[in-house]
Amino acid sequence: MVGAGAMARGVALQLVKYCEGFHLAAISNRHIEAAERAYLETGLAALTRPESQAQFDSAVATRGHCIVEDPALICQSPHIDVVLEITGAVEFGAGVVSDALAHGKHVVMMNAELDSTVGPILKRHADKAGLILTNVDGDQPGVLMNLYRFVKGIGMKPVLCGNIKGLQDPYRTPATQQSFAERWKQSAPMVTSFADGTKISFEQALVANATGMRVARRGMFGPAVENSDHVDNAEDWYPIDLITHETGIVDYVVGASPGPGVFVLGTHDDPAQQHFLDLYKLGTGPLYSFYTPYHLCHFEVHNTIARAVLFGDAAIAPEHGPCVDVVATAKRDLEVGEVLDGIGHYMTYGQAENADVVWQEKLLPIGLAEGCRLKRDLPMDATLTLADVDIPKNRLIDRLRDEQNRYFFEETTHP
């Protein structure tokens, strides 16, 4: 496992204490104390800190538990089956995933930020190597994808994949979210990305790229409902004809029940099956609601690992290439010369936009925004373009993004 934040510690606890057949051989983190803490919280205290590849490989071969700073020791070891990337960092995570794939490792990601930015091209690399690249069961995109498969598997046509939120305010910052972060022992930027809409944009981009769906407009509709209205009534919340929409859409709702779950709206054009759906208390249609009332994040990650390694199956992966992207939007007035801060910070929030529009209008993906220097003043809520910024040099994430653009938008045929 690479990463040792709050979510990673939950995954470690689950794998070590409650999942037979799994061996968490190593945890890598830039601050080694955090990797050690993750193991200690599981009850394991006999840890090894190898300093060379040979020492690492020897420890893993004898079922030791290693803490390391350099993730290359994990990615390059012949004794590792799968690498779990759970940093939430785009540039750093891109290096880890690329190294793991280059050395024949399946990769499980809990990094929607990276996945939505360059997941399609990373999946192409994985496919060429005969490896599985997947995001996880348990988090909302994976739960939604499993529900989408169920709806499609019973012969219905999914037309909307929805996420249920409790709060949506694009102007939230780490300062406004500090107390919430402290209460739940998470980082303030992470919970800010939940509150300001960036995270849900990433998550719904993952679902779109896995299903071929799109967004109906930039930022999605995201209706707010009163009195915890149930998603069984969701057919009235979205101002488009979902039944005739060409691809179906991803979107969300604020304040609905059952939160914080997910839902799928589907249709069926067979009168006989419509009769039975009514008999089974799903109503008369034409839209039928299916939902999962919870997402259990780290509790289900082991299922994804098993699916990848034992069955060669991805829980959720960008099978359709880039369908939806997440673009950087000014959280406040921005001034020329400022350097953009990170996801969930003070300067930008993310909005979901169709990937072909992002390409045509040369919009700035928020996954590339951190570290960019502004070339002009921009007002609050302006969508940033590539022409608005100077991008830092020699970043892997930019090279991967350029490769992704060439493959999916510039080439007319794919090998």
Protein backbone atom coordinates (compact mmCIF):
# COMPACT_ATOMS: atom_id res chain seq x y z
CA MET A 1 0.00 0.00 0.00
CA VAL A 2 1.28 3.45 -0.92
CA GLY A 3 -0.14 6.17 1.33
CA ALA A 4 -0.88 6.18 5.05
CA GLY A 5 -3.57 8.80 5.62
CA ALA A 6 -6.85 8.33 7.44
CA MET A 7 -8.45 6.17 4.74
CA ALA A 8 -5.30 4.12 4.28
CA ARG A 9 -5.18 3.36 7.99
CA GLY A 10 -8.74 2.06 7.76
CA VAL A 11 -7.76 -0.17 4.85
CA ALA A 12 -4.76 -1.50 6.76
CA LEU A 13 -6.94 -2.30 9.78
CA GLN A 14 -9.42 -4.16 7.58
CA LEU A 15 -6.80 -6.14 5.68
CA VAL A 16 -4.70 -7.15 8.66
CA LYS A 17 -7.41 -7.97 11.21
CA TYR A 18 -10.49 -9.03 9.28
CA CYS A 19 -9.54 -10.46 5.87
CA GLU A 20 -8.13 -13.97 5.68
CA GLY A 21 -5.96 -14.70 2.68
CA PHE A 22 -4.46 -11.22 2.38
CA HIS A 23 -0.97 -10.21 3.41
CA LEU A 24 -0.30 -6.49 3.65
CA ALA A 25 3.38 -6.83 2.93
CA ALA A 26 4.40 -3.19 2.99
CA ILE A 27 3.23 0.36 3.53
CA SER A 28 5.05 3.24 1.87
CA ASN A 29 4.68 6.85 2.89
CA ARG A 30 6.79 9.96 2.43
CA HIS A 31 6.69 10.37 6.21
CA ILE A 32 7.73 6.95 7.47
CA GLU A 33 6.14 7.54 10.88
CA ALA A 34 2.70 7.52 9.28
CA ALA A 35 3.37 4.13 7.67
CA GLU A 36 4.49 2.80 11.03
CA ARG A 37 1.37 4.19 12.71
CA ALA A 38 -0.88 2.47 10.17
CA TYR A 39 0.60 -0.91 11.08
CA LEU A 40 0.69 -0.25 14.81
CA GLU A 41 -3.02 0.59 14.82
CA THR A 42 -3.71 -2.91 13.48
CA GLY A 43 -1.85 -4.48 16.39
CA LEU A 44 1.26 -5.37 14.41
CA ALA A 45 4.49 -4.24 16.04
CA ALA A 46 7.15 -6.47 14.47
CA LEU A 47 8.00 -4.23 11.52
CA THR A 48 10.97 -4.17 9.17
CA ARG A 49 12.49 -1.06 7.62
CA PRO A 50 14.51 -2.31 4.62
CA GLU A 51 16.85 0.09 2.86
CA SER A 52 17.55 -1.85 -0.33
CA GLN A 53 15.56 -3.86 -2.85
CA ALA A 54 17.28 -7.06 -1.74
CA GLN A 55 16.41 -6.43 1.90
CA PHE A 56 12.82 -5.60 0.99
CA ASP A 57 12.37 -8.67 -1.20
CA SER A 58 13.83 -10.92 1.50
CA ALA A 59 11.48 -9.52 4.14
CA VAL A 60 8.39 -9.89 1.94
CA ALA A 61 9.38 -13.42 0.90
CA THR A 62 9.35 -14.43 4.56
CA ARG A 63 5.98 -12.71 5.16
CA GLY A 64 7.38 -9.74 6.98
CA HIS A 65 5.72 -6.34 7.24
CA CYS A 66 7.78 -3.50 5.81
CA ILE A 67 7.63 0.26 6.19
CA VAL A 68 9.42 2.24 3.50
CA GLU A 69 9.63 5.77 2.19
CA ASP A 70 10.38 4.85 -1.43
CA PRO A 71 7.38 3.21 -3.17
CA ALA A 72 9.69 1.86 -5.87
CA LEU A 73 10.72 -0.91 -3.45
CA ILE A 74 7.09 -2.08 -3.50
CA CYS A 75 6.46 -1.54 -7.19
CA GLN A 76 9.61 -3.36 -8.29
CA SER A 77 9.48 -6.36 -5.96
CA PRO A 78 8.77 -9.73 -7.61
CA HIS A 79 6.90 -10.85 -4.48
CA ILE A 80 4.09 -8.27 -4.65
CA ASP A 81 0.86 -9.17 -6.49
CA VAL A 82 -0.96 -5.85 -6.33
CA VAL A 83 -0.18 -2.25 -5.42
CA LEU A 84 -2.87 -0.22 -3.65
CA GLU A 85 -2.36 3.48 -4.42
CA ILE A 86 -4.20 5.60 -1.85
CA THR A 87 -2.36 8.92 -1.68
CA GLY A 88 -4.87 11.29 -3.32
CA ALA A 89 -1.87 13.04 -4.89
CA VAL A 90 -1.98 13.41 -8.67
CA GLU A 91 1.68 13.83 -9.72
CA PHE A 92 3.11 11.51 -7.07
CA GLY A 93 0.36 8.93 -7.62
CA ALA A 94 0.97 8.96 -11.37
CA GLY A 95 4.57 7.95 -10.73
CA VAL A 96 3.57 5.12 -8.41
CA VAL A 97 0.94 3.69 -10.77
CA SER A 98 3.23 3.95 -13.79
CA ASP A 99 6.07 2.22 -11.95
CA ALA A 100 3.79 -0.54 -10.68
CA LEU A 101 2.40 -1.25 -14.15
CA ALA A 102 5.88 -1.17 -15.67
CA HIS A 103 6.90 -3.93 -13.26
CA GLY A 104 3.91 -6.19 -13.84
CA LYS A 105 1.74 -5.30 -10.86
CA HIS A 106 -2.03 -5.03 -10.81
CA VAL A 107 -3.03 -1.63 -9.42
CA VAL A 108 -5.97 -0.79 -7.20
CA MET A 109 -6.52 2.94 -6.79
CA MET A 110 -8.31 4.93 -4.13
CA ASN A 111 -7.31 8.08 -5.96
CA ALA A 112 -10.23 9.53 -7.91
CA GLU A 113 -8.20 12.69 -8.55
CA LEU A 114 -5.59 10.78 -10.52
CA ASP A 115 -8.04 8.35 -12.10
CA SER A 116 -10.31 11.05 -13.53
CA THR A 117 -7.33 13.01 -14.90
CA VAL A 118 -5.33 10.29 -16.68
CA GLY A 119 -7.09 7.03 -15.82
CA PRO A 120 -7.98 6.25 -19.46
CA ILE A 121 -4.38 6.30 -20.64
CA LEU A 122 -3.16 4.44 -17.55
CA LYS A 123 -5.76 1.78 -18.30
CA ARG A 124 -4.40 1.51 -21.84
CA HIS A 125 -0.93 0.90 -20.38
CA ALA A 126 -2.40 -1.75 -18.07
CA ASP A 127 -4.31 -3.43 -20.91
CA LYS A 128 -1.18 -3.63 -23.05
CA ALA A 129 0.64 -5.31 -20.16
CA GLY A 130 -2.21 -7.72 -19.41
CA LEU A 131 -2.81 -6.14 -16.00
CA ILE A 132 -5.83 -4.87 -14.09
CA LEU A 133 -6.16 -1.20 -13.20
CA THR A 134 -9.22 -0.46 -11.09
CA ASN A 135 -10.75 1.89 -8.61
CA VAL A 136 -12.43 0.38 -5.57
CA ASP A 137 -15.56 -1.30 -4.33
CA GLY A 138 -16.97 0.50 -1.30
CA ASP A 139 -16.39 4.10 -2.30
CA GLN A 140 -19.30 5.74 -4.12
CA PRO A 141 -18.06 5.27 -7.71
CA GLY A 142 -17.54 1.55 -7.14
CA VAL A 143 -20.86 1.13 -5.35
CA LEU A 144 -22.59 3.04 -8.14
CA MET A 145 -20.89 0.93 -10.80
CA ASN A 146 -22.01 -2.29 -9.10
CA LEU A 147 -25.56 -0.94 -8.98
CA TYR A 148 -25.36 0.11 -12.63
CA ARG A 149 -24.32 -3.45 -13.55
CA PHE A 150 -27.23 -4.85 -11.57
CA VAL A 151 -29.77 -2.59 -13.28
CA LYS A 152 -28.36 -3.33 -16.71
CA GLY A 153 -28.10 -7.02 -15.86
CA ILE A 154 -31.84 -7.38 -15.25
CA GLY A 155 -32.56 -6.03 -18.71
CA MET A 156 -33.18 -2.38 -17.91
CA LYS A 157 -31.56 0.67 -19.46
CA PRO A 158 -29.78 2.88 -16.91
CA VAL A 159 -30.34 6.55 -17.79
CA LEU A 160 -28.97 8.34 -14.72
CA CYS A 161 -26.28 7.40 -12.21
CA GLY A 162 -26.70 9.59 -9.14
CA ASN A 163 -24.72 10.36 -6.01
CA ILE A 164 -26.40 11.58 -2.81
CA LYS A 165 -24.70 14.49 -1.02
CA GLY A 166 -25.40 16.27 2.24
CA LEU A 167 -23.66 19.55 1.40
CA GLN A 168 -22.60 21.48 -1.68
CA ASP A 169 -20.88 24.87 -1.40
CA PRO A 170 -18.11 25.63 -3.93
CA TYR A 171 -16.62 28.36 -1.74
CA ARG A 172 -15.73 26.18 1.24
CA THR A 173 -12.05 26.25 2.27
CA PRO A 174 -9.78 24.39 4.71
CA ALA A 175 -10.48 27.17 7.21
CA THR A 176 -14.25 26.58 7.11
CA GLN A 177 -13.85 22.80 7.26
CA GLN A 178 -11.14 22.58 9.94
CA SER A 179 -13.39 21.64 12.84
CA PHE A 180 -15.17 18.95 10.80
CA ALA A 181 -11.81 17.53 9.73
CA GLU A 182 -10.57 17.41 13.31
CA ARG A 183 -13.75 15.71 14.49
CA TRP A 184 -13.38 12.91 11.95
CA LYS A 185 -9.55 12.78 12.04
CA GLN A 186 -9.16 13.69 8.37
CA SER A 187 -7.23 16.38 6.55
CA ALA A 188 -8.93 19.74 6.06
CA PRO A 189 -8.17 19.92 2.30
CA MET A 190 -9.67 16.46 1.80
CA VAL A 191 -12.95 17.30 3.50
CA THR A 192 -12.97 20.66 1.70
CA SER A 193 -12.88 18.84 -1.63
CA PHE A 194 -15.98 16.95 -0.47
CA ALA A 195 -17.79 20.15 0.49
CA ASP A 196 -16.87 22.31 -2.51
CA GLY A 197 -18.04 19.78 -5.09
CA THR A 198 -14.63 18.80 -6.45
CA LYS A 199 -14.67 15.27 -5.07
CA ILE A 200 -18.13 14.43 -6.34
CA SER A 201 -17.10 15.75 -9.75
CA PHE A 202 -14.12 13.39 -9.75
CA GLU A 203 -16.27 10.50 -8.59
CA GLN A 204 -18.96 11.03 -11.20
CA ALA A 205 -16.29 11.40 -13.88
CA LEU A 206 -15.10 7.92 -12.93
CA VAL A 207 -18.65 6.56 -13.33
CA ALA A 208 -19.05 8.31 -16.68
CA ASN A 209 -15.76 6.96 -17.99
CA ALA A 210 -16.78 3.46 -16.92
CA THR A 211 -20.30 3.57 -18.39
CA GLY A 212 -20.06 5.95 -21.35
CA MET A 213 -22.43 8.44 -19.77
CA ARG A 214 -22.01 12.23 -19.90
CA VAL A 215 -23.03 15.29 -17.89
CA ALA A 216 -26.04 17.29 -19.06
CA ARG A 217 -24.30 20.58 -18.29
CA ARG A 218 -21.05 21.85 -16.76
CA GLY A 219 -21.13 21.26 -13.03
CA MET A 220 -24.12 18.87 -13.29
CA PHE A 221 -27.59 19.87 -12.08
CA GLY A 222 -27.19 18.87 -8.44
CA PRO A 223 -30.73 19.70 -7.30
CA ALA A 224 -31.31 20.35 -3.60
CA VAL A 225 -34.40 18.69 -2.14
CA GLU A 226 -36.25 19.37 1.07
CA ASN A 227 -37.24 17.13 3.96
CA SER A 228 -34.93 14.32 2.90
CA ASP A 229 -37.09 13.50 -0.11
CA HIS A 230 -36.43 9.93 -1.24
CA VAL A 231 -34.65 9.07 -4.48
CA ASP A 232 -37.76 7.13 -5.54
CA ASN A 233 -38.99 10.59 -6.53
CA ALA A 234 -35.85 11.51 -8.46
CA GLU A 235 -37.53 11.37 -11.87
CA ASP A 236 -38.92 14.84 -11.13
CA TRP A 237 -35.62 16.45 -10.12
CA TYR A 238 -33.74 16.72 -13.42
CA PRO A 239 -34.94 19.18 -16.12
CA ILE A 240 -34.22 17.00 -19.16
CA ASP A 241 -35.88 14.03 -20.82
CA LEU A 242 -33.76 11.23 -19.38
CA ILE A 243 -35.53 8.54 -21.41
CA THR A 244 -34.48 9.98 -24.76
CA HIS A 245 -31.02 11.18 -23.73
CA GLU A 246 -28.48 9.56 -26.03
CA THR A 247 -25.94 8.39 -23.45
CA GLY A 248 -27.59 8.83 -20.08
CA ILE A 249 -26.07 11.17 -17.50
CA VAL A 250 -24.16 11.22 -14.25
CA ASP A 251 -25.34 13.74 -11.66
CA TYR A 252 -26.02 14.16 -7.95
CA VAL A 253 -28.60 15.44 -5.47
CA VAL A 254 -28.21 17.34 -2.20
CA GLY A 255 -30.25 16.45 0.84
CA ALA A 256 -32.05 13.35 -0.39
CA SER A 257 -32.44 10.05 1.37
CA PRO A 258 -31.07 7.48 1.73
CA GLY A 259 -27.85 9.43 2.25
CA PRO A 260 -24.99 9.06 1.77
CA GLY A 261 -25.85 6.43 -0.80
CA VAL A 262 -26.11 6.21 -4.55
CA PHE A 263 -28.94 5.57 -7.00
CA VAL A 264 -29.64 4.61 -10.60
CA LEU A 265 -32.69 5.53 -12.61
CA GLY A 266 -33.57 3.01 -15.28
CA THR A 267 -36.24 2.36 -17.92
CA HIS A 268 -37.82 -0.70 -19.47
CA ASP A 269 -39.75 -0.66 -22.76
CA ASP A 270 -41.42 -4.09 -22.42
CA PRO A 271 -45.06 -3.75 -21.23
CA ALA A 272 -44.98 -7.24 -19.75
CA GLN A 273 -41.91 -6.43 -17.67
CA GLN A 274 -43.40 -3.06 -16.71
CA HIS A 275 -46.37 -4.99 -15.32
CA PHE A 276 -44.09 -7.10 -13.15
CA LEU A 277 -42.08 -4.10 -11.98
CA ASP A 278 -45.34 -2.57 -10.79
CA LEU A 279 -46.26 -5.86 -9.11
CA TYR A 280 -42.91 -5.82 -7.30
CA LYS A 281 -43.69 -2.33 -5.94
CA LEU A 282 -41.31 -0.34 -8.15
CA GLY A 283 -44.17 1.71 -9.55
CA THR A 284 -45.58 2.29 -13.00
CA GLY A 285 -42.53 3.95 -14.52
CA PRO A 286 -41.43 5.10 -16.97
CA LEU A 287 -38.42 5.67 -14.67
CA TYR A 288 -37.60 3.15 -11.96
CA SER A 289 -35.39 3.91 -8.97
CA PHE A 290 -32.70 1.60 -7.60
CA TYR A 291 -30.44 2.58 -4.75
CA THR A 292 -27.78 1.49 -2.29
CA PRO A 293 -28.23 3.36 1.00
CA TYR A 294 -24.60 3.42 2.09
CA HIS A 295 -20.99 3.29 0.97
CA LEU A 296 -18.47 1.63 3.23
CA CYS A 297 -15.19 2.77 1.67
CA HIS A 298 -12.32 0.89 3.32
CA PHE A 299 -14.50 -2.06 4.41
CA GLU A 300 -14.77 -3.32 0.81
CA VAL A 301 -11.32 -2.63 -0.64
CA HIS A 302 -10.24 -6.23 -0.12
CA ASN A 303 -13.02 -7.33 -2.49
CA THR A 304 -11.48 -5.16 -5.22
CA ILE A 305 -8.03 -6.63 -4.59
CA ALA A 306 -9.43 -10.15 -4.87
CA ARG A 307 -11.38 -9.29 -8.03
CA ALA A 308 -8.24 -7.93 -9.67
CA VAL A 309 -5.75 -10.61 -8.68
CA LEU A 310 -7.88 -13.76 -8.63
CA PHE A 311 -10.43 -13.02 -11.36
CA GLY A 312 -8.79 -10.42 -13.60
CA ASP A 313 -11.82 -8.19 -13.04
CA ALA A 314 -12.03 -4.45 -12.38
CA ALA A 315 -14.59 -3.02 -9.97
CA ILE A 316 -14.65 0.25 -11.92
CA ALA A 317 -12.32 1.29 -14.73
CA PRO A 318 -12.51 3.79 -17.63
CA GLU A 319 -13.70 1.29 -20.24
CA HIS A 320 -15.07 4.08 -22.46
CA GLY A 321 -12.05 6.37 -22.33
CA PRO A 322 -12.41 10.01 -21.29
CA CYS A 323 -16.14 10.86 -21.28
CA VAL A 324 -16.25 13.36 -18.40
CA ASP A 325 -13.42 15.49 -17.03
CA VAL A 326 -13.11 17.86 -14.05
CA VAL A 327 -12.11 21.44 -14.81
CA ALA A 328 -10.57 24.06 -12.54
CA THR A 329 -12.90 26.94 -11.59
CA ALA A 330 -11.95 30.07 -9.66
CA LYS A 331 -13.08 29.89 -6.03
CA ARG A 332 -12.28 33.59 -5.63
CA ASP A 333 -10.96 36.39 -7.82
CA LEU A 334 -7.54 35.29 -9.05
CA GLU A 335 -4.65 37.61 -9.88
CA VAL A 336 -1.91 37.38 -12.47
CA GLY A 337 1.28 35.87 -11.07
CA GLU A 338 -0.43 33.80 -8.37
CA VAL A 339 0.47 30.11 -8.20
CA LEU A 340 -2.53 27.82 -7.93
CA ASP A 341 -2.79 25.78 -4.75
CA GLY A 342 -4.02 22.21 -4.49
CA ILE A 343 -7.34 20.41 -4.66
CA GLY A 344 -9.55 21.29 -1.72
CA HIS A 345 -7.67 24.47 -0.91
CA TYR A 346 -8.46 28.18 -1.36
CA MET A 347 -8.20 29.06 -5.05
CA THR A 348 -10.10 26.58 -7.22
CA TYR A 349 -12.93 24.09 -7.15
CA GLY A 350 -13.70 21.40 -9.71
CA GLN A 351 -16.67 21.08 -12.04
CA ALA A 352 -17.57 18.07 -14.16
CA GLU A 353 -17.58 18.77 -17.89
CA ASN A 354 -17.78 16.50 -20.92
CA ALA A 355 -14.31 15.51 -22.02
CA ASP A 356 -14.81 16.49 -25.66
CA VAL A 357 -15.75 20.01 -24.53
CA VAL A 358 -12.65 20.18 -22.33
CA TRP A 359 -10.56 19.19 -25.33
CA GLN A 360 -12.24 21.56 -27.78
CA GLU A 361 -12.17 24.58 -25.45
CA LYS A 362 -8.72 23.74 -24.04
CA LEU A 363 -9.97 23.95 -20.45
CA LEU A 364 -7.61 23.33 -17.54
CA PRO A 365 -8.25 20.03 -15.74
CA ILE A 366 -8.07 20.61 -12.01
CA GLY A 367 -5.83 17.57 -11.76
CA LEU A 368 -3.17 19.60 -13.58
CA ALA A 369 -3.84 22.92 -11.85
CA GLU A 370 -1.67 22.75 -8.75
CA GLY A 371 1.56 24.69 -9.23
CA CYS A 372 0.40 26.51 -12.36
CA ARG A 373 1.13 30.25 -12.49
CA LEU A 374 -1.64 32.59 -13.64
CA LYS A 375 -0.95 34.65 -16.76
CA ARG A 376 -3.97 36.94 -16.30
CA ASP A 377 -6.56 38.05 -13.78
CA LEU A 378 -9.68 35.89 -13.57
CA PRO A 379 -12.97 36.56 -11.77
CA MET A 380 -14.58 34.23 -9.25
CA ASP A 381 -16.36 31.27 -10.91
CA ALA A 382 -14.41 31.62 -14.17
CA THR A 383 -13.47 28.30 -15.74
CA LEU A 384 -9.71 28.27 -16.27
CA THR A 385 -8.18 27.41 -19.65
CA LEU A 386 -4.74 26.16 -20.53
CA ALA A 387 -4.03 29.59 -22.03
CA ASP A 388 -4.62 31.20 -18.62
CA VAL A 389 -1.64 29.53 -16.95
CA ASP A 390 1.99 28.56 -17.26
CA ILE A 391 2.28 24.87 -16.45
CA PRO A 392 5.30 23.66 -14.45
CA LYS A 393 7.94 21.86 -16.50
CA ASN A 394 8.86 18.18 -16.49
CA ARG A 395 5.79 16.75 -14.78
CA LEU A 396 4.80 13.16 -15.46
CA ILE A 397 1.11 13.99 -15.16
CA ASP A 398 1.35 16.42 -18.09
CA ARG A 399 3.12 13.85 -20.26
CA LEU A 400 0.43 11.29 -19.49
CA ARG A 401 -2.29 13.82 -20.20
CA ASP A 402 -0.70 14.73 -23.55
CA GLU A 403 -0.50 11.03 -24.43
CA GLN A 404 -4.15 10.59 -23.45
CA ASN A 405 -5.23 13.52 -25.61
CA ARG A 406 -3.28 12.23 -28.59
CA TYR A 407 -4.70 8.75 -28.29
CA PHE A 408 -8.35 9.60 -27.68
CA PHE A 409 -8.81 12.93 -29.43
CA GLU A 410 -6.14 13.31 -32.11
CA GLU A 411 -5.87 9.79 -33.50
CA THR A 412 -8.73 8.67 -35.71
CA THR A 413 -8.22 4.95 -35.20
CA HIS A 414 -6.91 2.96 -32.25
CA PRO A 415 -4.78 -0.17 -32.58
